[in-house]
Amino acid sequence: MIITKTPFRMSFFGGGTDMEEFFRENGGAVLSTTFNKYCYVNVRHLPRFFDYSTELSYSKIERVTNIEDIRHPLVRNAMKLLDMHEIRLTYEADLPARSGLGTSSSFAVGLLNAFYALKGKYADKKKLADEAIYLERVLCGEAGGWQDQIAASYGGFNRINFSPDGYEVLPVIISPEKKKQLNQNMMMFFTGFTRFSSDVQKMNGLNKKDKTAQLREILALVDEAEKVLTDKAADLNDFGKLLDYTWKLKRQIGTAVSTDSIDCLYAEGIRAGATGGKLLGAGGGGFLVFYAEPERQKAVRQAMKDLMYVPFEFENGGTRVIHYTPETYIPQES
């Protein structure tokens, strides 16, 4: 039996520039972190006592005898990719899916990690990230960028650069005191709305030429935000101001990025004293994050009293196997 634990990510700057259609021509970069909310994938070989050979438990329960009959596209394609058979799989998570935290990609990374471990093989972070990107973007045909799979695999507070040659992961060099203060100044609330990121991406058409100017400006903010974190003389509150600016830029990209309800919530948070903030993920719903100094957080929480407040802490681990019990698996003769 294998259990993997994979973090969710919080993307601050550069979202949209990780789309392959954009960064192949313009370059791209994302500033993001993983935090201490996780998805767990439990995998073992299914004992041969049943009239089905594969059992999946997520928001639904599937029991099939043929891999092609699996409805969950990510699981179906991952099993075919790694030649997995006779599997019992359970998925659990600390936070809901389709909420702007890269949950689908965290599941993809954790699933691949579990499958490799079940085979008795080690897959490093780059291999898991690369194969999760291939699994979601190519095999499943889902629209979106590359940042989520990379963040979930590597973990930590990173700048991820994208180019025609691929990507590189660069840990952000920030003092422990400043990183702790940043964490304390961030507040996260669940809007209650969930959506498929790939649907939002298609509606907004982030790969279209008319979005290039906005995406280039969003890309430039990555440098500014990183400087705020790494320059000891920089005012950390500027990070919040830049969040506000990047959110306003992102609002210009497409109508599916936000809704009237989310716009009202955001405006209330700013009026209550938040310096800035943004909706996490592609848009349309999920989690709203604010930057607010400690003395203003009570007022912000009061303004968001109808939403669930979710405290969190930055984490550095990325995906990992937290339980490993080897199994002897002998394929059935065909």
Protein backbone atom coordinates (compact mmCIF):
# COMPACT_ATOMS: atom_id res chain seq x y z
CA MET A 1 0.00 0.00 0.00
CA ILE A 2 1.18 3.50 -0.89
CA ILE A 3 0.00 6.86 0.46
CA THR A 4 1.24 10.10 -1.06
CA LYS A 5 0.79 13.60 0.34
CA THR A 6 0.89 16.49 -2.14
CA PRO A 7 0.47 20.19 -1.32
CA PHE A 8 -1.77 22.73 -2.98
CA ARG A 9 -0.29 25.91 -4.38
CA MET A 10 -0.96 29.62 -4.05
CA SER A 11 0.03 31.63 -7.11
CA PHE A 12 0.79 35.30 -6.51
CA PHE A 13 2.21 36.72 -9.75
CA GLY A 14 2.67 35.71 -13.38
CA GLY A 15 -0.45 33.57 -13.81
CA GLY A 16 -1.23 33.10 -17.51
CA THR A 17 2.40 33.53 -18.62
CA ASP A 18 2.90 29.82 -17.90
CA MET A 19 0.69 28.96 -20.87
CA GLU A 20 2.83 27.23 -23.48
CA GLU A 21 1.32 29.28 -26.32
CA PHE A 22 2.53 32.44 -24.57
CA PHE A 23 5.91 31.56 -23.08
CA ARG A 24 7.26 29.85 -26.20
CA GLU A 25 7.24 33.29 -27.85
CA ASN A 26 7.44 35.73 -24.94
CA GLY A 27 8.97 33.87 -22.02
CA GLY A 28 7.11 33.51 -18.75
CA ALA A 29 7.53 33.46 -14.99
CA VAL A 30 5.41 32.73 -11.94
CA LEU A 31 5.91 33.56 -8.28
CA SER A 32 4.12 31.03 -6.11
CA THR A 33 4.24 28.95 -2.95
CA THR A 34 2.81 25.71 -1.69
CA PHE A 35 1.09 25.70 1.70
CA ASN A 36 0.02 23.25 4.36
CA LYS A 37 -3.18 21.97 2.78
CA TYR A 38 -2.82 18.67 0.94
CA CYS A 39 -4.38 15.95 -1.14
CA TYR A 40 -3.77 12.31 -0.25
CA VAL A 41 -3.71 9.43 -2.71
CA ASN A 42 -3.94 5.90 -1.30
CA VAL A 43 -3.15 3.14 -3.80
CA ARG A 44 -2.81 -0.63 -3.55
CA HIS A 45 -3.48 -3.60 -5.78
CA LEU A 46 -7.06 -4.79 -5.49
CA PRO A 47 -7.39 -8.32 -4.07
CA ARG A 48 -8.90 -10.73 -6.58
CA PHE A 49 -12.11 -11.47 -4.69
CA PHE A 50 -14.44 -9.22 -6.67
CA ASP A 51 -16.20 -9.23 -10.00
CA TYR A 52 -14.39 -5.99 -10.89
CA SER A 53 -10.65 -5.36 -11.18
CA THR A 54 -10.33 -1.65 -10.41
CA GLU A 55 -12.01 0.43 -7.71
CA LEU A 56 -11.78 4.21 -7.41
CA SER A 57 -13.10 6.36 -4.59
CA TYR A 58 -13.09 10.15 -5.00
CA SER A 59 -16.23 12.30 -5.17
CA LYS A 60 -17.69 9.25 -6.89
CA ILE A 61 -17.10 5.51 -6.64
CA GLU A 62 -16.14 3.59 -9.77
CA ARG A 63 -15.81 -0.17 -10.13
CA VAL A 64 -14.76 -1.47 -13.52
CA THR A 65 -13.20 -4.50 -15.16
CA ASN A 66 -11.72 -2.57 -18.10
CA ILE A 67 -9.48 0.49 -17.74
CA GLU A 68 -11.18 2.06 -20.77
CA ASP A 69 -14.44 2.15 -18.78
CA ILE A 70 -12.97 4.46 -16.10
CA ARG A 71 -14.80 7.78 -16.26
CA HIS A 72 -12.18 9.86 -14.48
CA PRO A 73 -9.94 10.92 -17.41
CA LEU A 74 -6.88 11.63 -15.28
CA VAL A 75 -6.91 8.24 -13.57
CA ARG A 76 -7.73 6.40 -16.79
CA ASN A 77 -4.88 8.02 -18.71
CA ALA A 78 -2.40 7.72 -15.82
CA MET A 79 -3.09 3.99 -15.51
CA LYS A 80 -2.56 3.54 -19.24
CA LEU A 81 0.58 5.71 -19.21
CA LEU A 82 2.26 3.68 -16.47
CA ASP A 83 0.65 0.34 -17.34
CA MET A 84 -1.18 -0.04 -14.02
CA HIS A 85 -3.71 -2.81 -13.43
CA GLU A 86 -5.97 -4.11 -10.66
CA ILE A 87 -5.89 -0.95 -8.57
CA ARG A 88 -7.82 0.26 -5.54
CA LEU A 89 -7.43 4.03 -5.26
CA THR A 90 -8.77 6.49 -2.70
CA TYR A 91 -8.49 10.28 -2.97
CA GLU A 92 -8.93 12.66 -0.04
CA ALA A 93 -8.16 16.36 0.31
CA ASP A 94 -8.07 19.13 2.90
CA LEU A 95 -9.76 21.61 0.55
CA PRO A 96 -12.38 21.31 -2.23
CA ALA A 97 -11.53 20.69 -5.87
CA ARG A 98 -11.97 23.31 -8.60
CA SER A 99 -11.15 26.11 -6.18
CA GLY A 100 -8.13 27.84 -7.75
CA LEU A 101 -5.42 26.01 -5.80
CA GLY A 102 -4.16 23.70 -8.51
CA THR A 103 -6.02 20.77 -6.96
CA SER A 104 -6.27 18.80 -10.20
CA SER A 105 -2.53 19.05 -10.80
CA SER A 106 -1.73 18.17 -7.19
CA PHE A 107 -3.82 15.04 -7.67
CA ALA A 108 -2.01 14.27 -10.93
CA VAL A 109 1.41 14.61 -9.28
CA GLY A 110 0.39 12.62 -6.20
CA LEU A 111 -1.19 9.92 -8.34
CA LEU A 112 1.91 9.46 -10.49
CA ASN A 113 4.10 9.45 -7.39
CA ALA A 114 1.92 6.72 -5.86
CA PHE A 115 1.92 4.61 -9.02
CA TYR A 116 5.70 4.73 -9.32
CA ALA A 117 6.09 3.79 -5.64
CA LEU A 118 3.67 0.89 -6.07
CA LYS A 119 5.89 -0.33 -8.88
CA GLY A 120 8.90 -0.03 -6.56
CA LYS A 121 10.37 2.81 -8.63
CA TYR A 122 11.62 6.25 -7.66
CA ALA A 123 10.56 9.28 -9.67
CA ASP A 124 12.28 12.60 -8.96
CA LYS A 125 10.45 15.92 -8.78
CA LYS A 126 11.19 16.94 -12.36
CA LYS A 127 10.02 13.62 -13.76
CA LEU A 128 6.77 13.88 -11.80
CA ALA A 129 6.18 17.48 -12.90
CA ASP A 130 6.96 16.72 -16.56
CA GLU A 131 4.73 13.66 -16.67
CA ALA A 132 1.89 15.43 -14.85
CA ILE A 133 2.02 18.23 -17.44
CA TYR A 134 1.95 15.63 -20.24
CA LEU A 135 -0.87 13.74 -18.53
CA GLU A 136 -3.14 16.77 -18.07
CA ARG A 137 -2.32 18.89 -21.09
CA VAL A 138 -1.73 16.21 -23.75
CA LEU A 139 -3.37 12.94 -22.75
CA CYS A 140 -6.41 14.53 -21.08
CA GLY A 141 -6.46 17.52 -23.43
CA GLU A 142 -7.16 20.03 -20.66
CA ALA A 143 -6.39 23.69 -21.30
CA GLY A 144 -4.05 25.42 -18.88
CA GLY A 145 -0.50 26.27 -17.97
CA TRP A 146 2.41 24.40 -16.43
CA GLN A 147 2.86 26.09 -13.07
CA ASP A 148 0.52 23.93 -10.98
CA GLN A 149 2.19 20.60 -11.71
CA ILE A 150 5.65 22.06 -11.07
CA ALA A 151 4.64 23.73 -7.78
CA ALA A 152 2.94 20.59 -6.46
CA SER A 153 5.94 18.45 -7.32
CA TYR A 154 8.75 20.70 -6.06
CA GLY A 155 7.02 22.50 -3.17
CA GLY A 156 8.26 25.67 -1.50
CA PHE A 157 8.26 29.40 -2.31
CA ASN A 158 9.64 29.63 -5.86
CA ARG A 159 10.06 31.66 -8.96
CA ILE A 160 9.39 29.38 -11.92
CA ASN A 161 10.77 30.64 -15.24
CA PHE A 162 9.41 29.44 -18.58
CA SER A 163 11.15 29.58 -21.95
CA PRO A 164 11.26 27.73 -25.29
CA ASP A 165 13.70 25.35 -23.58
CA GLY A 166 11.24 24.44 -20.83
CA TYR A 167 11.30 25.67 -17.24
CA GLU A 168 13.54 26.20 -14.24
CA VAL A 169 12.59 26.32 -10.56
CA LEU A 170 14.40 28.95 -8.48
CA PRO A 171 13.72 29.13 -4.73
CA VAL A 172 13.06 32.71 -3.63
CA ILE A 173 15.78 33.86 -1.24
CA ILE A 174 13.79 35.57 1.51
CA SER A 175 14.75 36.02 5.15
CA PRO A 176 12.87 33.80 7.63
CA GLU A 177 11.55 36.90 9.41
CA LYS A 178 10.19 38.47 6.24
CA LYS A 179 8.71 35.19 5.05
CA LYS A 180 6.97 34.72 8.39
CA GLN A 181 5.60 38.27 8.25
CA LEU A 182 4.33 37.73 4.71
CA ASN A 183 2.57 34.57 5.82
CA GLN A 184 1.00 36.42 8.74
CA ASN A 185 -0.19 39.20 6.45
CA MET A 186 -1.98 36.86 4.05
CA MET A 187 -5.62 35.95 4.60
CA MET A 188 -7.57 33.37 2.60
CA PHE A 189 -11.35 33.02 2.26
CA PHE A 190 -13.47 30.49 0.40
CA THR A 191 -16.03 32.15 -1.87
CA GLY A 192 -18.09 28.99 -2.16
CA PHE A 193 -17.96 29.07 -5.95
CA THR A 194 -16.05 26.28 -7.72
CA ARG A 195 -15.26 25.80 -11.42
CA PHE A 196 -13.06 23.89 -13.82
CA SER A 197 -9.89 25.86 -14.51
CA SER A 198 -9.69 24.51 -18.06
CA ASP A 199 -13.21 25.85 -18.77
CA VAL A 200 -12.23 29.32 -17.55
CA GLN A 201 -9.04 29.23 -19.63
CA LYS A 202 -11.02 28.38 -22.76
CA MET A 203 -13.59 31.10 -22.10
CA ASN A 204 -10.90 33.72 -21.55
CA GLY A 205 -8.75 32.55 -24.44
CA LEU A 206 -5.47 33.27 -22.63
CA ASN A 207 -3.48 32.14 -25.64
CA LYS A 208 -5.00 34.69 -28.02
CA LYS A 209 -2.87 37.47 -29.44
CA ASP A 210 -5.06 40.26 -28.06
CA LYS A 211 -4.10 39.23 -24.50
CA THR A 212 -0.35 39.52 -25.10
CA ALA A 213 0.04 43.11 -23.88
CA GLN A 214 -1.66 42.39 -20.56
CA LEU A 215 0.29 39.16 -20.07
CA ARG A 216 3.58 40.92 -20.71
CA GLU A 217 2.71 43.47 -18.04
CA ILE A 218 1.72 40.67 -15.67
CA LEU A 219 5.07 39.04 -16.40
CA ALA A 220 6.96 42.25 -15.55
CA LEU A 221 5.33 42.31 -12.11
CA VAL A 222 7.08 39.04 -11.18
CA ASP A 223 10.42 40.87 -11.08
CA GLU A 224 8.98 43.69 -8.98
CA ALA A 225 7.32 41.34 -6.50
CA GLU A 226 10.44 39.20 -6.15
CA LYS A 227 12.51 42.31 -5.44
CA VAL A 228 10.12 43.28 -2.64
CA LEU A 229 10.76 39.90 -1.03
CA THR A 230 14.51 39.66 -1.55
CA ASP A 231 15.54 43.30 -0.96
CA LYS A 232 15.99 43.82 2.78
CA ALA A 233 15.28 47.54 2.39
CA ALA A 234 11.99 47.02 0.50
CA ASP A 235 8.64 47.64 2.20
CA LEU A 236 6.73 44.36 2.44
CA ASN A 237 3.45 46.24 2.08
CA ASP A 238 4.39 46.87 -1.53
CA PHE A 239 3.75 43.16 -2.09
CA GLY A 240 0.10 43.79 -1.24
CA LYS A 241 -0.08 46.81 -3.54
CA LEU A 242 1.36 44.75 -6.39
CA LEU A 243 -1.23 42.03 -5.73
CA ASP A 244 -3.96 44.61 -6.17
CA TYR A 245 -2.38 45.79 -9.41
CA THR A 246 -1.94 42.31 -10.87
CA TRP A 247 -5.54 41.44 -9.99
CA LYS A 248 -6.79 44.52 -11.86
CA LEU A 249 -4.67 43.52 -14.86
CA LYS A 250 -5.99 39.98 -14.75
CA ARG A 251 -9.56 41.32 -14.66
CA GLN A 252 -8.91 42.80 -18.11
CA ILE A 253 -8.00 39.43 -19.64
CA GLY A 254 -11.51 38.03 -19.88
CA THR A 255 -15.05 38.14 -18.53
CA ALA A 256 -14.71 34.69 -16.93
CA VAL A 257 -11.92 35.83 -14.57
CA SER A 258 -14.35 37.31 -12.06
CA THR A 259 -18.05 37.78 -11.31
CA ASP A 260 -20.10 40.63 -9.91
CA SER A 261 -20.28 38.82 -6.56
CA ILE A 262 -16.50 38.35 -6.39
CA ASP A 263 -15.90 41.96 -7.42
CA CYS A 264 -18.14 43.10 -4.55
CA LEU A 265 -16.34 40.84 -2.08
CA TYR A 266 -12.96 42.13 -3.21
CA ALA A 267 -14.08 45.75 -2.92
CA GLU A 268 -15.38 45.11 0.61
CA GLY A 269 -12.03 43.60 1.63
CA ILE A 270 -10.13 46.63 0.33
CA ARG A 271 -12.52 49.05 2.04
CA ALA A 272 -12.01 47.12 5.29
CA GLY A 273 -8.27 47.77 5.17
CA ALA A 274 -6.64 45.12 2.97
CA THR A 275 -3.77 46.52 0.91
CA GLY A 276 -4.46 44.20 -1.99
CA GLY A 277 -5.43 40.71 -2.96
CA LYS A 278 -6.58 38.46 -5.78
CA LEU A 279 -8.67 35.50 -6.68
CA LEU A 280 -6.48 32.40 -6.82
CA GLY A 281 -6.30 30.32 -9.98
CA ALA A 282 -7.75 30.94 -13.43
CA GLY A 283 -10.73 32.83 -12.04
CA GLY A 284 -14.47 32.52 -11.74
CA GLY A 285 -14.51 31.35 -8.12
CA GLY A 286 -12.65 29.46 -5.45
CA PHE A 287 -10.42 31.16 -2.89
CA LEU A 288 -9.94 34.87 -2.40
CA VAL A 289 -6.67 35.94 -0.79
CA PHE A 290 -5.95 39.33 0.79
CA TYR A 291 -2.79 41.03 2.00
CA ALA A 292 -3.64 42.87 5.21
CA GLU A 293 -1.49 44.17 8.05
CA PRO A 294 -2.26 42.48 11.39
CA GLU A 295 -4.03 45.50 12.89
CA ARG A 296 -6.47 45.54 9.95
CA GLN A 297 -7.24 41.85 9.80
CA LYS A 298 -10.11 41.91 12.27
CA ALA A 299 -11.95 44.40 10.07
CA VAL A 300 -11.24 42.34 6.95
CA ARG A 301 -12.57 39.19 8.62
CA GLN A 302 -15.69 41.09 9.65
CA ALA A 303 -16.17 42.27 6.07
CA MET A 304 -15.81 38.65 4.89
CA LYS A 305 -18.00 37.27 7.70
CA ASP A 306 -20.18 35.32 5.27
CA LEU A 307 -17.18 33.46 3.86
CA MET A 308 -15.13 30.67 5.41
CA TYR A 309 -11.75 31.88 6.67
CA VAL A 310 -8.95 29.36 6.06
CA PRO A 311 -5.68 29.93 7.96
CA PHE A 312 -2.57 28.43 6.38
CA GLU A 313 1.20 28.24 6.56
CA PHE A 314 3.74 28.09 3.75
CA GLU A 315 5.36 24.67 3.26
CA ASN A 316 8.50 23.42 1.51
CA GLY A 317 8.05 19.69 1.03
CA GLY A 318 6.30 19.18 -2.28
CA THR A 319 4.86 15.75 -3.05
CA ARG A 320 6.14 12.85 -0.95
CA VAL A 321 5.36 9.26 -0.09
CA ILE A 322 4.25 9.14 3.54
CA HIS A 323 3.46 5.41 3.72
CA TYR A 324 5.21 2.65 1.80
CA THR A 325 4.38 -1.03 2.17
CA PRO A 326 5.76 -3.02 -0.79
CA GLU A 327 3.47 -5.50 -2.49
CA THR A 328 4.23 -8.51 -4.63
CA TYR A 329 2.10 -8.21 -7.74
CA ILE A 330 1.90 -10.98 -10.29
CA PRO A 331 -0.13 -10.01 -13.38
CA GLN A 332 -2.93 -12.37 -14.32
CA GLU A 333 -2.33 -14.46 -17.41
CA SER A 334 -4.34 -13.16 -20.32
